Amino acid sequence: MTLPTEITPSDTLTLFTTSENAACLLLDCRTEEEYLIAKISQAKFIPMQEISERLDELEPWKQKRVVVHCHHGVRSLRVAKWLRERGFEKAQSLRGGIEAWSTEIDSSIPKY
């Protein structure tokens, strides 16, 4: 079964809070400046422009769920598609990015 390329914030929260799906990676692909403004604590931070050279760090997640997020979901969608082309078949983009996460899941995360 092929997963959709995007996943909603509420489905992401469910994914990360159910024990059977605990082995998931939340990947933050924003810039360092953005990361310093707001972050989701459980996310691994690798800026979009560094992902190709740091792909080996993601190898352990190749067969697992990887949810990529950025500010609004545009860059993360590109990264998720790029990862899928490299064999990360379960890579998905967080629809609406950290902005949607802040609105729908955790209002303590600053919007910018």
PDB file of N, CA and C in Angstrom:
ATOM      1  N   MET A   1       0.830  -1.183   0.000  1.00  0.00           N
ATOM      2  CA  MET A   1       0.000   0.000   0.000  1.00  0.00           C
ATOM      3  C   MET A   1       0.878   1.252   0.000  1.00  0.00           C
ATOM      4  N   THR A   2       0.628   2.120  -0.940  1.00  0.00           N
ATOM      5  CA  THR A   2       1.381   3.363  -1.027  1.00  0.00           C
ATOM      6  C   THR A   2       0.713   4.427  -0.162  1.00  0.00           C
ATOM      7  N   LEU A   3       1.509   5.054   0.674  1.00  0.00           N
ATOM      8  CA  LEU A   3       1.005   6.118   1.528  1.00  0.00           C
ATOM      9  C   LEU A   3       0.840   7.397   0.725  1.00  0.00           C
ATOM     10  N   PRO A   4      -0.130   8.248   1.100  1.00  0.00           N
ATOM     11  CA  PRO A   4      -0.233   9.551   0.431  1.00  0.00           C
ATOM     12  C   PRO A   4       1.041  10.367   0.695  1.00  0.00           C
ATOM     13  N   THR A   5       1.347  11.285  -0.190  1.00  0.00           N
ATOM     14  CA  THR A   5       2.560  12.084  -0.049  1.00  0.00           C
ATOM     15  C   THR A   5       2.449  13.074   1.107  1.00  0.00           C
ATOM     16  N   GLU A   6       1.228  13.468   1.458  1.00  0.00           N
ATOM     17  CA  GLU A   6       1.028  14.393   2.568  1.00  0.00           C
ATOM     18  C   GLU A   6       0.249  13.727   3.695  1.00  0.00           C
ATOM     19  N   ILE A   7       0.480  14.228   4.924  1.00  0.00           N
ATOM     20  CA  ILE A   7      -0.216  13.730   6.100  1.00  0.00           C
ATOM     21  C   ILE A   7      -0.641  14.936   6.931  1.00  0.00           C
ATOM     22  N   THR A   8      -1.826  14.886   7.506  1.00  0.00           N
ATOM     23  CA  THR A   8      -2.340  16.006   8.284  1.00  0.00           C
ATOM     24  C   THR A   8      -1.653  16.082   9.649  1.00  0.00           C
ATOM     25  N   PRO A   9      -1.697  17.239  10.284  1.00  0.00           N
ATOM     26  CA  PRO A   9      -1.140  17.338  11.630  1.00  0.00           C
ATOM     27  C   PRO A   9      -1.785  16.358  12.616  1.00  0.00           C
ATOM     28  N   SER A  10      -3.103  16.206  12.579  1.00  0.00           N
ATOM     29  CA  SER A  10      -3.759  15.292  13.526  1.00  0.00           C
ATOM     30  C   SER A  10      -3.374  13.841  13.269  1.00  0.00           C
ATOM     31  N   ASP A  11      -3.246  13.451  12.001  1.00  0.00           N
ATOM     32  CA  ASP A  11      -2.803  12.081  11.699  1.00  0.00           C
ATOM     33  C   ASP A  11      -1.345  11.879  12.100  1.00  0.00           C
ATOM     34  N   THR A  12      -0.542  12.927  11.982  1.00  0.00           N
ATOM     35  CA  THR A  12       0.858  12.852  12.411  1.00  0.00           C
ATOM     36  C   THR A  12       0.934  12.660  13.918  1.00  0.00           C
ATOM     37  N   LEU A  13       0.138  13.412  14.649  1.00  0.00           N
ATOM     38  CA  LEU A  13       0.127  13.274  16.105  1.00  0.00           C
ATOM     39  C   LEU A  13      -0.261  11.852  16.495  1.00  0.00           C
ATOM     40  N   THR A  14      -1.291  11.314  15.865  1.00  0.00           N
ATOM     41  CA  THR A  14      -1.715   9.944  16.130  1.00  0.00           C
ATOM     42  C   THR A  14      -0.591   8.963  15.820  1.00  0.00           C
ATOM     43  N   LEU A  15       0.064   9.183  14.700  1.00  0.00           N
ATOM     44  CA  LEU A  15       1.174   8.327  14.281  1.00  0.00           C
ATOM     45  C   LEU A  15       2.279   8.293  15.333  1.00  0.00           C
ATOM     46  N   PHE A  16       2.587   9.447  15.898  1.00  0.00           N
ATOM     47  CA  PHE A  16       3.690   9.531  16.859  1.00  0.00           C
ATOM     48  C   PHE A  16       3.295   9.178  18.286  1.00  0.00           C
ATOM     49  N   THR A  17       2.015   9.005  18.538  1.00  0.00           N
ATOM     50  CA  THR A  17       1.603   8.683  19.910  1.00  0.00           C
ATOM     51  C   THR A  17       1.099   7.253  20.069  1.00  0.00           C
ATOM     52  N   THR A  18       0.976   6.524  18.975  1.00  0.00           N
ATOM     53  CA  THR A  18       0.571   5.126  19.094  1.00  0.00           C
ATOM     54  C   THR A  18       1.821   4.260  19.192  1.00  0.00           C
ATOM     55  N   SER A  19       1.792   3.315  20.094  1.00  0.00           N
ATOM     56  CA  SER A  19       2.980   2.503  20.367  1.00  0.00           C
ATOM     57  C   SER A  19       3.467   1.730  19.142  1.00  0.00           C
ATOM     58  N   GLU A  20       2.551   1.249  18.330  1.00  0.00           N
ATOM     59  CA  GLU A  20       2.970   0.462  17.168  1.00  0.00           C
ATOM     60  C   GLU A  20       3.695   1.312  16.125  1.00  0.00           C
ATOM     61  N   ASN A  21       3.477   2.631  16.160  1.00  0.00           N
ATOM     62  CA  ASN A  21       4.120   3.516  15.201  1.00  0.00           C
ATOM     63  C   ASN A  21       5.187   4.388  15.845  1.00  0.00           C
ATOM     64  N   ALA A  22       5.653   3.982  17.017  1.00  0.00           N
ATOM     65  CA  ALA A  22       6.630   4.806  17.732  1.00  0.00           C
ATOM     66  C   ALA A  22       7.940   4.957  16.966  1.00  0.00           C
ATOM     67  N   ALA A  23       8.203   4.054  16.052  1.00  0.00           N
ATOM     68  CA  ALA A  23       9.448   4.121  15.292  1.00  0.00           C
ATOM     69  C   ALA A  23       9.255   4.966  14.031  1.00  0.00           C
ATOM     70  N   CYS A  24       8.987   6.237  14.236  1.00  0.00           N
ATOM     71  CA  CYS A  24       8.799   7.178  13.145  1.00  0.00           C
ATOM     72  C   CYS A  24       9.755   8.344  13.339  1.00  0.00           C
ATOM     73  N   LEU A  25      10.112   8.971  12.247  1.00  0.00           N
ATOM     74  CA  LEU A  25      10.996  10.124  12.312  1.00  0.00           C
ATOM     75  C   LEU A  25      10.244  11.360  11.846  1.00  0.00           C
ATOM     76  N   LEU A  26      10.311  12.410  12.651  1.00  0.00           N
ATOM     77  CA  LEU A  26       9.820  13.722  12.251  1.00  0.00           C
ATOM     78  C   LEU A  26      11.052  14.522  11.849  1.00  0.00           C
ATOM     79  N   LEU A  27      11.104  14.962  10.612  1.00  0.00           N
ATOM     80  CA  LEU A  27      12.277  15.622  10.050  1.00  0.00           C
ATOM     81  C   LEU A  27      11.949  17.077   9.727  1.00  0.00           C
ATOM     82  N   ASP A  28      12.663  17.984  10.352  1.00  0.00           N
ATOM     83  CA  ASP A  28      12.499  19.421  10.144  1.00  0.00           C
ATOM     84  C   ASP A  28      13.505  19.862   9.085  1.00  0.00           C
ATOM     85  N   CYS A  29      13.009  20.347   7.939  1.00  0.00           N
ATOM     86  CA  CYS A  29      13.909  20.707   6.838  1.00  0.00           C
ATOM     87  C   CYS A  29      14.020  22.215   6.643  1.00  0.00           C
ATOM     88  N   ARG A  30      13.617  22.996   7.642  1.00  0.00           N
ATOM     89  CA  ARG A  30      13.674  24.455   7.526  1.00  0.00           C
ATOM     90  C   ARG A  30      15.102  24.972   7.710  1.00  0.00           C
ATOM     91  N   THR A  31      15.269  26.274   7.616  1.00  0.00           N
ATOM     92  CA  THR A  31      16.583  26.879   7.824  1.00  0.00           C
ATOM     93  C   THR A  31      16.876  26.974   9.319  1.00  0.00           C
ATOM     94  N   GLU A  32      18.134  27.185   9.651  1.00  0.00           N
ATOM     95  CA  GLU A  32      18.511  27.317  11.056  1.00  0.00           C
ATOM     96  C   GLU A  32      17.823  28.524  11.700  1.00  0.00           C
ATOM     97  N   GLU A  33      17.679  29.613  10.943  1.00  0.00           N
ATOM     98  CA  GLU A  33      17.004  30.807  11.455  1.00  0.00           C
ATOM     99  C   GLU A  33      15.560  30.480  11.848  1.00  0.00           C
ATOM    100  N   GLU A  34      14.873  29.725  11.003  1.00  0.00           N
ATOM    101  CA  GLU A  34      13.501  29.333  11.307  1.00  0.00           C
ATOM    102  C   GLU A  34      13.451  28.404  12.513  1.00  0.00           C
ATOM    103  N   TYR A  35      14.389  27.477  12.559  1.00  0.00           N
ATOM    104  CA  TYR A  35      14.452  26.507  13.646  1.00  0.00           C
ATOM    105  C   TYR A  35      14.624  27.209  14.994  1.00  0.00           C
ATOM    106  N   LEU A  36      15.389  28.283  15.019  1.00  0.00           N
ATOM    107  CA  LEU A  36      15.606  29.017  16.262  1.00  0.00           C
ATOM    108  C   LEU A  36      14.347  29.760  16.722  1.00  0.00           C
ATOM    109  N   ILE A  37      13.442  30.049  15.809  1.00  0.00           N
ATOM    110  CA  ILE A  37      12.187  30.737  16.145  1.00  0.00           C
ATOM    111  C   ILE A  37      11.172  29.762  16.742  1.00  0.00           C
ATOM    112  N   ALA A  38      11.028  28.623  16.120  1.00  0.00           N
ATOM    113  CA  ALA A  38       9.998  27.658  16.530  1.00  0.00           C
ATOM    114  C   ALA A  38      10.432  26.258  16.155  1.00  0.00           C
ATOM    115  N   LYS A  39      10.134  25.290  17.017  1.00  0.00           N
ATOM    116  CA  LYS A  39      10.476  23.899  16.694  1.00  0.00           C
ATOM    117  C   LYS A  39       9.529  22.942  17.394  1.00  0.00           C
ATOM    118  N   ILE A  40       9.397  21.763  16.806  1.00  0.00           N
ATOM    119  CA  ILE A  40       8.663  20.661  17.411  1.00  0.00           C
ATOM    120  C   ILE A  40       9.733  19.813  18.088  1.00  0.00           C
ATOM    121  N   SER A  41       9.618  19.635  19.383  1.00  0.00           N
ATOM    122  CA  SER A  41      10.711  19.062  20.178  1.00  0.00           C
ATOM    123  C   SER A  41      11.205  17.706  19.684  1.00  0.00           C
ATOM    124  N   GLN A  42      10.334  16.855  19.179  1.00  0.00           N
ATOM    125  CA  GLN A  42      10.769  15.511  18.780  1.00  0.00           C
ATOM    126  C   GLN A  42      11.341  15.440  17.361  1.00  0.00           C
ATOM    127  N   ALA A  43      11.442  16.582  16.688  1.00  0.00           N
ATOM    128  CA  ALA A  43      11.918  16.581  15.298  1.00  0.00           C
ATOM    129  C   ALA A  43      13.441  16.563  15.204  1.00  0.00           C
ATOM    130  N   LYS A  44      13.933  15.853  14.199  1.00  0.00           N
ATOM    131  CA  LYS A  44      15.365  15.872  13.850  1.00  0.00           C
ATOM    132  C   LYS A  44      15.540  17.010  12.854  1.00  0.00           C
ATOM    133  N   PHE A  45      16.501  17.868  13.103  1.00  0.00           N
ATOM    134  CA  PHE A  45      16.716  19.034  12.260  1.00  0.00           C
ATOM    135  C   PHE A  45      17.842  18.807  11.254  1.00  0.00           C
ATOM    136  N   ILE A  46      17.472  18.801   9.977  1.00  0.00           N
ATOM    137  CA  ILE A  46      18.451  18.801   8.888  1.00  0.00           C
ATOM    138  C   ILE A  46      17.909  19.774   7.835  1.00  0.00           C
ATOM    139  N   PRO A  47      18.560  20.923   7.660  1.00  0.00           N
ATOM    140  CA  PRO A  47      18.083  21.882   6.653  1.00  0.00           C
ATOM    141  C   PRO A  47      17.981  21.243   5.263  1.00  0.00           C
ATOM    142  N   MET A  48      16.995  21.676   4.516  1.00  0.00           N
ATOM    143  CA  MET A  48      16.731  21.126   3.180  1.00  0.00           C
ATOM    144  C   MET A  48      17.997  21.066   2.325  1.00  0.00           C
ATOM    145  N   GLN A  49      18.793  22.127   2.346  1.00  0.00           N
ATOM    146  CA  GLN A  49      19.979  22.182   1.487  1.00  0.00           C
ATOM    147  C   GLN A  49      21.074  21.225   1.932  1.00  0.00           C
ATOM    148  N   GLU A  50      20.959  20.627   3.131  1.00  0.00           N
ATOM    149  CA  GLU A  50      21.969  19.690   3.622  1.00  0.00           C
ATOM    150  C   GLU A  50      21.535  18.223   3.522  1.00  0.00           C
ATOM    151  N   ILE A  51      20.293  17.976   3.156  1.00  0.00           N
ATOM    152  CA  ILE A  51      19.779  16.606   3.201  1.00  0.00           C
ATOM    153  C   ILE A  51      20.538  15.666   2.274  1.00  0.00           C
ATOM    154  N   SER A  52      20.861  16.111   1.064  1.00  0.00           N
ATOM    155  CA  SER A  52      21.556  15.207   0.142  1.00  0.00           C
ATOM    156  C   SER A  52      22.916  14.782   0.681  1.00  0.00           C
ATOM    157  N   GLU A  53      23.645  15.702   1.312  1.00  0.00           N
ATOM    158  CA  GLU A  53      24.963  15.345   1.850  1.00  0.00           C
ATOM    159  C   GLU A  53      24.887  14.636   3.191  1.00  0.00           C
ATOM    160  N   ARG A  54      23.725  14.668   3.838  1.00  0.00           N
ATOM    161  CA  ARG A  54      23.564  14.013   5.139  1.00  0.00           C
ATOM    162  C   ARG A  54      22.588  12.830   5.067  1.00  0.00           C
ATOM    163  N   LEU A  55      22.358  12.342   3.861  1.00  0.00           N
ATOM    164  CA  LEU A  55      21.405  11.258   3.650  1.00  0.00           C
ATOM    165  C   LEU A  55      21.731  10.019   4.476  1.00  0.00           C
ATOM    166  N   ASP A  56      23.014   9.781   4.721  1.00  0.00           N
ATOM    167  CA  ASP A  56      23.417   8.619   5.514  1.00  0.00           C
ATOM    168  C   ASP A  56      22.809   8.661   6.927  1.00  0.00           C
ATOM    169  N   GLU A  57      22.555   9.843   7.461  1.00  0.00           N
ATOM    170  CA  GLU A  57      21.928   9.971   8.783  1.00  0.00           C
ATOM    171  C   GLU A  57      20.483   9.475   8.776  1.00  0.00           C
ATOM    172  N   LEU A  58      19.880   9.467   7.605  1.00  0.00           N
ATOM    173  CA  LEU A  58      18.487   9.046   7.478  1.00  0.00           C
ATOM    174  C   LEU A  58      18.345   7.577   7.096  1.00  0.00           C
ATOM    175  N   GLU A  59      19.435   6.942   6.688  1.00  0.00           N
ATOM    176  CA  GLU A  59      19.394   5.544   6.244  1.00  0.00           C
ATOM    177  C   GLU A  59      18.671   4.605   7.212  1.00  0.00           C
ATOM    178  N   PRO A  60      18.871   4.731   8.548  1.00  0.00           N
ATOM    179  CA  PRO A  60      18.161   3.825   9.454  1.00  0.00           C
ATOM    180  C   PRO A  60      16.632   3.936   9.359  1.00  0.00           C
ATOM    181  N   TRP A  61      16.160   5.011   8.768  1.00  0.00           N
ATOM    182  CA  TRP A  61      14.717   5.257   8.651  1.00  0.00           C
ATOM    183  C   TRP A  61      14.173   4.889   7.270  1.00  0.00           C
ATOM    184  N   LYS A  62      14.976   4.325   6.423  1.00  0.00           N
ATOM    185  CA  LYS A  62      14.585   4.096   5.029  1.00  0.00           C
ATOM    186  C   LYS A  62      13.313   3.257   4.889  1.00  0.00           C
ATOM    187  N   GLN A  63      13.128   2.272   5.744  1.00  0.00           N
ATOM    188  CA  GLN A  63      11.949   1.402   5.662  1.00  0.00           C
ATOM    189  C   GLN A  63      10.835   1.834   6.619  1.00  0.00           C
ATOM    190  N   LYS A  64      11.043   2.943   7.321  1.00  0.00           N
ATOM    191  CA  LYS A  64      10.079   3.397   8.329  1.00  0.00           C
ATOM    192  C   LYS A  64       9.403   4.685   7.889  1.00  0.00           C
ATOM    193  N   ARG A  65       8.443   5.137   8.690  1.00  0.00           N
ATOM    194  CA  ARG A  65       7.739   6.373   8.379  1.00  0.00           C
ATOM    195  C   ARG A  65       8.633   7.568   8.674  1.00  0.00           C
ATOM    196  N   VAL A  66       8.714   8.471   7.721  1.00  0.00           N
ATOM    197  CA  VAL A  66       9.436   9.730   7.877  1.00  0.00           C
ATOM    198  C   VAL A  66       8.452  10.835   7.499  1.00  0.00           C
ATOM    199  N   VAL A  67       8.171  11.709   8.464  1.00  0.00           N
ATOM    200  CA  VAL A  67       7.288  12.846   8.200  1.00  0.00           C
ATOM    201  C   VAL A  67       8.169  14.098   8.197  1.00  0.00           C
ATOM    202  N   VAL A  68       8.204  14.769   7.053  1.00  0.00           N
ATOM    203  CA  VAL A  68       9.042  15.951   6.867  1.00  0.00           C
ATOM    204  C   VAL A  68       8.182  17.194   7.063  1.00  0.00           C
ATOM    205  N   HIS A  69       8.735  18.188   7.764  1.00  0.00           N
ATOM    206  CA  HIS A  69       7.993  19.437   7.878  1.00  0.00           C
ATOM    207  C   HIS A  69       8.873  20.641   7.629  1.00  0.00           C
ATOM    208  N   CYS A  70       8.221  21.703   7.175  1.00  0.00           N
ATOM    209  CA  CYS A  70       8.865  22.994   6.979  1.00  0.00           C
ATOM    210  C   CYS A  70       7.932  24.044   7.565  1.00  0.00           C
ATOM    211  N   HIS A  71       7.890  25.246   7.010  1.00  0.00           N
ATOM    212  CA  HIS A  71       7.032  26.297   7.547  1.00  0.00           C
ATOM    213  C   HIS A  71       5.568  26.084   7.142  1.00  0.00           C
ATOM    214  N   HIS A  72       5.312  25.964   5.842  1.00  0.00           N
ATOM    215  CA  HIS A  72       3.936  25.820   5.354  1.00  0.00           C
ATOM    216  C   HIS A  72       3.670  24.529   4.582  1.00  0.00           C
ATOM    217  N   GLY A  73       4.684  23.725   4.340  1.00  0.00           N
ATOM    218  CA  GLY A  73       4.479  22.450   3.664  1.00  0.00           C
ATOM    219  C   GLY A  73       4.960  22.369   2.236  1.00  0.00           C
ATOM    220  N   VAL A  74       5.486  23.452   1.690  1.00  0.00           N
ATOM    221  CA  VAL A  74       5.933  23.439   0.299  1.00  0.00           C
ATOM    222  C   VAL A  74       7.297  22.753   0.178  1.00  0.00           C
ATOM    223  N   ARG A  75       8.266  23.212   0.958  1.00  0.00           N
ATOM    224  CA  ARG A  75       9.606  22.603   0.912  1.00  0.00           C
ATOM    225  C   ARG A  75       9.566  21.153   1.373  1.00  0.00           C
ATOM    226  N   SER A  76       8.795  20.884   2.414  1.00  0.00           N
ATOM    227  CA  SER A  76       8.746  19.509   2.932  1.00  0.00           C
ATOM    228  C   SER A  76       8.135  18.552   1.912  1.00  0.00           C
ATOM    229  N   LEU A  77       7.204  19.027   1.116  1.00  0.00           N
ATOM    230  CA  LEU A  77       6.637  18.186   0.064  1.00  0.00           C
ATOM    231  C   LEU A  77       7.715  17.847  -0.965  1.00  0.00           C
ATOM    232  N   ARG A  78       8.534  18.821  -1.314  1.00  0.00           N
ATOM    233  CA  ARG A  78       9.646  18.563  -2.247  1.00  0.00           C
ATOM    234  C   ARG A  78      10.625  17.556  -1.648  1.00  0.00           C
ATOM    235  N   VAL A  79      10.948  17.722  -0.363  1.00  0.00           N
ATOM    236  CA  VAL A  79      11.889  16.815   0.296  1.00  0.00           C
ATOM    237  C   VAL A  79      11.299  15.410   0.388  1.00  0.00           C
ATOM    238  N   ALA A  80      10.022  15.293   0.749  1.00  0.00           N
ATOM    239  CA  ALA A  80       9.390  13.977   0.851  1.00  0.00           C
ATOM    240  C   ALA A  80       9.411  13.262  -0.502  1.00  0.00           C
ATOM    241  N   LYS A  81       9.115  13.980  -1.569  1.00  0.00           N
ATOM    242  CA  LYS A  81       9.150  13.382  -2.911  1.00  0.00           C
ATOM    243  C   LYS A  81      10.577  12.984  -3.273  1.00  0.00           C
ATOM    244  N   TRP A  82      11.546  13.819  -2.936  1.00  0.00           N
ATOM    245  CA  TRP A  82      12.952  13.530  -3.204  1.00  0.00           C
ATOM    246  C   TRP A  82      13.388  12.277  -2.448  1.00  0.00           C
ATOM    247  N   LEU A  83      12.984  12.175  -1.185  1.00  0.00           N
ATOM    248  CA  LEU A  83      13.321  10.987  -0.392  1.00  0.00           C
ATOM    249  C   LEU A  83      12.681   9.736  -0.987  1.00  0.00           C
ATOM    250  N   ARG A  84      11.447   9.848  -1.445  1.00  0.00           N
ATOM    251  CA  ARG A  84      10.777   8.693  -2.060  1.00  0.00           C
ATOM    252  C   ARG A  84      11.530   8.216  -3.291  1.00  0.00           C
ATOM    253  N   GLU A  85      12.060   9.155  -4.055  1.00  0.00           N
ATOM    254  CA  GLU A  85      12.839   8.790  -5.244  1.00  0.00           C
ATOM    255  C   GLU A  85      14.116   8.033  -4.870  1.00  0.00           C
ATOM    256  N   ARG A  86      14.534   8.167  -3.626  1.00  0.00           N
ATOM    257  CA  ARG A  86      15.740   7.500  -3.143  1.00  0.00           C
ATOM    258  C   ARG A  86      15.430   6.295  -2.257  1.00  0.00           C
ATOM    259  N   GLY A  87      14.213   5.801  -2.357  1.00  0.00           N
ATOM    260  CA  GLY A  87      13.858   4.558  -1.675  1.00  0.00           C
ATOM    261  C   GLY A  87      13.169   4.707  -0.327  1.00  0.00           C
ATOM    262  N   PHE A  88      12.935   5.923   0.117  1.00  0.00           N
ATOM    263  CA  PHE A  88      12.199   6.146   1.362  1.00  0.00           C
ATOM    264  C   PHE A  88      10.709   6.168   1.023  1.00  0.00           C
ATOM    265  N   GLU A  89      10.154   4.995   0.781  1.00  0.00           N
ATOM    266  CA  GLU A  89       8.797   4.881   0.260  1.00  0.00           C
ATOM    267  C   GLU A  89       7.729   5.404   1.212  1.00  0.00           C
ATOM    268  N   LYS A  90       8.047   5.481   2.506  1.00  0.00           N
ATOM    269  CA  LYS A  90       7.067   5.932   3.495  1.00  0.00           C
ATOM    270  C   LYS A  90       7.267   7.384   3.904  1.00  0.00           C
ATOM    271  N   ALA A  91       8.070   8.135   3.144  1.00  0.00           N
ATOM    272  CA  ALA A  91       8.275   9.556   3.437  1.00  0.00           C
ATOM    273  C   ALA A  91       7.014  10.342   3.097  1.00  0.00           C
ATOM    274  N   GLN A  92       6.638  11.243   4.004  1.00  0.00           N
ATOM    275  CA  GLN A  92       5.462  12.074   3.802  1.00  0.00           C
ATOM    276  C   GLN A  92       5.768  13.496   4.246  1.00  0.00           C
ATOM    277  N   SER A  93       4.976  14.426   3.755  1.00  0.00           N
ATOM    278  CA  SER A  93       5.107  15.824   4.123  1.00  0.00           C
ATOM    279  C   SER A  93       3.971  16.200   5.071  1.00  0.00           C
ATOM    280  N   LEU A  94       4.299  16.945   6.117  1.00  0.00           N
ATOM    281  CA  LEU A  94       3.285  17.442   7.040  1.00  0.00           C
ATOM    282  C   LEU A  94       2.513  18.561   6.350  1.00  0.00           C
ATOM    283  N   ARG A  95       1.246  18.301   6.040  1.00  0.00           N
ATOM    284  CA  ARG A  95       0.416  19.268   5.319  1.00  0.00           C
ATOM    285  C   ARG A  95       0.259  20.545   6.157  1.00  0.00           C
ATOM    286  N   GLY A  96       0.657  21.672   5.584  1.00  0.00           N
ATOM    287  CA  GLY A  96       0.530  22.950   6.280  1.00  0.00           C
ATOM    288  C   GLY A  96       1.723  23.305   7.150  1.00  0.00           C
ATOM    289  N   GLY A  97       2.671  22.375   7.277  1.00  0.00           N
ATOM    290  CA  GLY A  97       3.910  22.633   8.005  1.00  0.00           C
ATOM    291  C   GLY A  97       3.741  22.926   9.481  1.00  0.00           C
ATOM    292  N   ILE A  98       4.775  23.533  10.049  1.00  0.00           N
ATOM    293  CA  ILE A  98       4.782  23.833  11.471  1.00  0.00           C
ATOM    294  C   ILE A  98       3.706  24.872  11.809  1.00  0.00           C
ATOM    295  N   GLU A  99       3.322  25.668  10.827  1.00  0.00           N
ATOM    296  CA  GLU A  99       2.247  26.650  11.020  1.00  0.00           C
ATOM    297  C   GLU A  99       0.939  25.918  11.343  1.00  0.00           C
ATOM    298  N   ALA A 100       0.615  24.889  10.582  1.00  0.00           N
ATOM    299  CA  ALA A 100      -0.599  24.107  10.838  1.00  0.00           C
ATOM    300  C   ALA A 100      -0.479  23.339  12.154  1.00  0.00           C
ATOM    301  N   TRP A 101       0.728  22.835  12.447  1.00  0.00           N
ATOM    302  CA  TRP A 101       0.951  22.123  13.704  1.00  0.00           C
ATOM    303  C   TRP A 101       0.652  23.053  14.884  1.00  0.00           C
ATOM    304  N   SER A 102       1.129  24.293  14.792  1.00  0.00           N
ATOM    305  CA  SER A 102       0.899  25.273  15.847  1.00  0.00           C
ATOM    306  C   SER A 102      -0.590  25.591  15.988  1.00  0.00           C
ATOM    307  N   THR A 103      -1.291  25.697  14.878  1.00  0.00           N
ATOM    308  CA  THR A 103      -2.728  26.005  14.894  1.00  0.00           C
ATOM    309  C   THR A 103      -3.555  24.834  15.408  1.00  0.00           C
ATOM    310  N   GLU A 104      -3.256  23.622  14.945  1.00  0.00           N
ATOM    311  CA  GLU A 104      -4.112  22.478  15.227  1.00  0.00           C
ATOM    312  C   GLU A 104      -3.673  21.612  16.413  1.00  0.00           C
ATOM    313  N   ILE A 105      -2.389  21.586  16.721  1.00  0.00           N
ATOM    314  CA  ILE A 105      -1.879  20.634  17.713  1.00  0.00           C
ATOM    315  C   ILE A 105      -1.278  21.308  18.949  1.00  0.00           C
ATOM    316  N   ASP A 106      -0.362  22.236  18.750  1.00  0.00           N
ATOM    317  CA  ASP A 106       0.381  22.801  19.884  1.00  0.00           C
ATOM    318  C   ASP A 106       0.517  24.305  19.726  1.00  0.00           C
ATOM    319  N   SER A 107      -0.399  25.043  20.326  1.00  0.00           N
ATOM    320  CA  SER A 107      -0.409  26.504  20.186  1.00  0.00           C
ATOM    321  C   SER A 107       0.765  27.178  20.913  1.00  0.00           C
ATOM    322  N   SER A 108       1.522  26.416  21.695  1.00  0.00           N
ATOM    323  CA  SER A 108       2.686  27.019  22.359  1.00  0.00           C
ATOM    324  C   SER A 108       3.853  27.225  21.391  1.00  0.00           C
ATOM    325  N   ILE A 109       3.778  26.609  20.219  1.00  0.00           N
ATOM    326  CA  ILE A 109       4.811  26.794  19.200  1.00  0.00           C
ATOM    327  C   ILE A 109       4.542  28.122  18.500  1.00  0.00           C
ATOM    328  N   PRO A 110       5.512  29.041  18.539  1.00  0.00           N
ATOM    329  CA  PRO A 110       5.306  30.367  17.940  1.00  0.00           C
ATOM    330  C   PRO A 110       5.046  30.303  16.432  1.00  0.00           C
ATOM    331  N   LYS A 111       4.194  31.217  15.977  1.00  0.00           N
ATOM    332  CA  LYS A 111       3.984  31.366  14.541  1.00  0.00           C
ATOM    333  C   LYS A 111       4.851  32.528  14.071  1.00  0.00           C
ATOM    334  N   TYR A 112       5.308  32.433  12.861  1.00  0.00           N
ATOM    335  CA  TYR A 112       6.165  33.501  12.326  1.00  0.00           C
ATOM    336  C   TYR A 112       5.860  33.741  10.868  1.00  0.00           C
TER     337      TYR A 112
END
